[in-house]
């Protein structure tokens, strides 16, 4: 088993998703839900 140096450990990329990625996916899903809701139940301005 090889012991990794500090530089080698910093260069390892994990398979996780960033907070920006989660926010982007959430905003797209929210927009799509609002679009679908507006299309299926259109309300007129009061």
C-alpha atoms as a PDB file:
ATOM      1  CA  UNK A   1       0.000   0.000   0.000  1.00  0.00           C
ATOM      2  CA  UNK A   2       1.384   3.403  -1.019  1.00  0.00           C
ATOM      3  CA  UNK A   3       1.149   6.353   1.336  1.00  0.00           C
ATOM      4  CA  UNK A   4      -0.122   9.457  -0.448  1.00  0.00           C
ATOM      5  CA  UNK A   5       1.521  12.821  -0.056  1.00  0.00           C
ATOM      6  CA  UNK A   6      -0.421  15.947   0.830  1.00  0.00           C
ATOM      7  CA  UNK A   7      -0.366  17.207  -2.777  1.00  0.00           C
ATOM      8  CA  UNK A   8      -1.631  13.878  -4.096  1.00  0.00           C
ATOM      9  CA  UNK A   9      -4.516  13.863  -1.618  1.00  0.00           C
ATOM     10  CA  UNK A  10      -5.542  17.383  -2.655  1.00  0.00           C
ATOM     11  CA  UNK A  11      -5.625  16.371  -6.325  1.00  0.00           C
ATOM     12  CA  UNK A  12      -8.126  13.533  -5.770  1.00  0.00           C
ATOM     13  CA  UNK A  13     -11.574  14.395  -7.075  1.00  0.00           C
ATOM     14  CA  UNK A  14     -14.543  12.701  -5.445  1.00  0.00           C
ATOM     15  CA  UNK A  15     -17.853  11.948  -7.132  1.00  0.00           C
ATOM     16  CA  UNK A  16     -19.919  14.364  -5.075  1.00  0.00           C
ATOM     17  CA  UNK A  17     -22.092  17.191  -6.362  1.00  0.00           C
ATOM     18  CA  UNK A  18     -21.506  20.809  -5.444  1.00  0.00           C
ATOM     19  CA  UNK A  19     -23.989  23.085  -3.686  1.00  0.00           C
ATOM     20  CA  UNK A  20     -24.330  25.055  -6.933  1.00  0.00           C
ATOM     21  CA  UNK A  21     -25.332  21.876  -8.742  1.00  0.00           C
ATOM     22  CA  UNK A  22     -28.002  21.082  -6.168  1.00  0.00           C
ATOM     23  CA  UNK A  23     -29.335  24.664  -6.327  1.00  0.00           C
ATOM     24  CA  UNK A  24     -29.443  24.538 -10.128  1.00  0.00           C
ATOM     25  CA  UNK A  25     -31.351  21.245 -10.216  1.00  0.00           C
ATOM     26  CA  UNK A  26     -33.777  22.475  -7.541  1.00  0.00           C
ATOM     27  CA  UNK A  27     -34.456  25.729  -9.381  1.00  0.00           C
ATOM     28  CA  UNK A  28     -35.081  23.930 -12.683  1.00  0.00           C
ATOM     29  CA  UNK A  29     -37.518  21.520 -11.020  1.00  0.00           C
ATOM     30  CA  UNK A  30     -39.301  24.390  -9.261  1.00  0.00           C
ATOM     31  CA  UNK A  31     -39.619  26.355 -12.502  1.00  0.00           C
ATOM     32  CA  UNK A  32     -40.964  23.305 -14.337  1.00  0.00           C
ATOM     33  CA  UNK A  33     -43.536  22.674 -11.586  1.00  0.00           C
ATOM     34  CA  UNK A  34     -44.696  26.309 -11.738  1.00  0.00           C
ATOM     35  CA  UNK A  35     -44.903  26.197 -15.513  1.00  0.00           C
ATOM     36  CA  UNK A  36     -46.970  23.013 -15.427  1.00  0.00           C
ATOM     37  CA  UNK A  37     -49.232  24.434 -12.712  1.00  0.00           C
ATOM     38  CA  UNK A  38     -49.760  27.652 -14.667  1.00  0.00           C
ATOM     39  CA  UNK A  39     -50.572  25.737 -17.819  1.00  0.00           C
ATOM     40  CA  UNK A  40     -53.056  23.358 -16.188  1.00  0.00           C
ATOM     41  CA  UNK A  41     -54.749  25.895 -13.867  1.00  0.00           C
ATOM     42  CA  UNK A  42     -54.587  29.350 -15.468  1.00  0.00           C
ATOM     43  CA  UNK A  43     -55.883  32.124 -13.218  1.00  0.00           C
ATOM     44  CA  UNK A  44     -56.933  35.475 -14.590  1.00  0.00           C
ATOM     45  CA  UNK A  45     -55.673  38.702 -13.071  1.00  0.00           C
ATOM     46  CA  UNK A  46     -58.043  40.146 -10.488  1.00  0.00           C
END
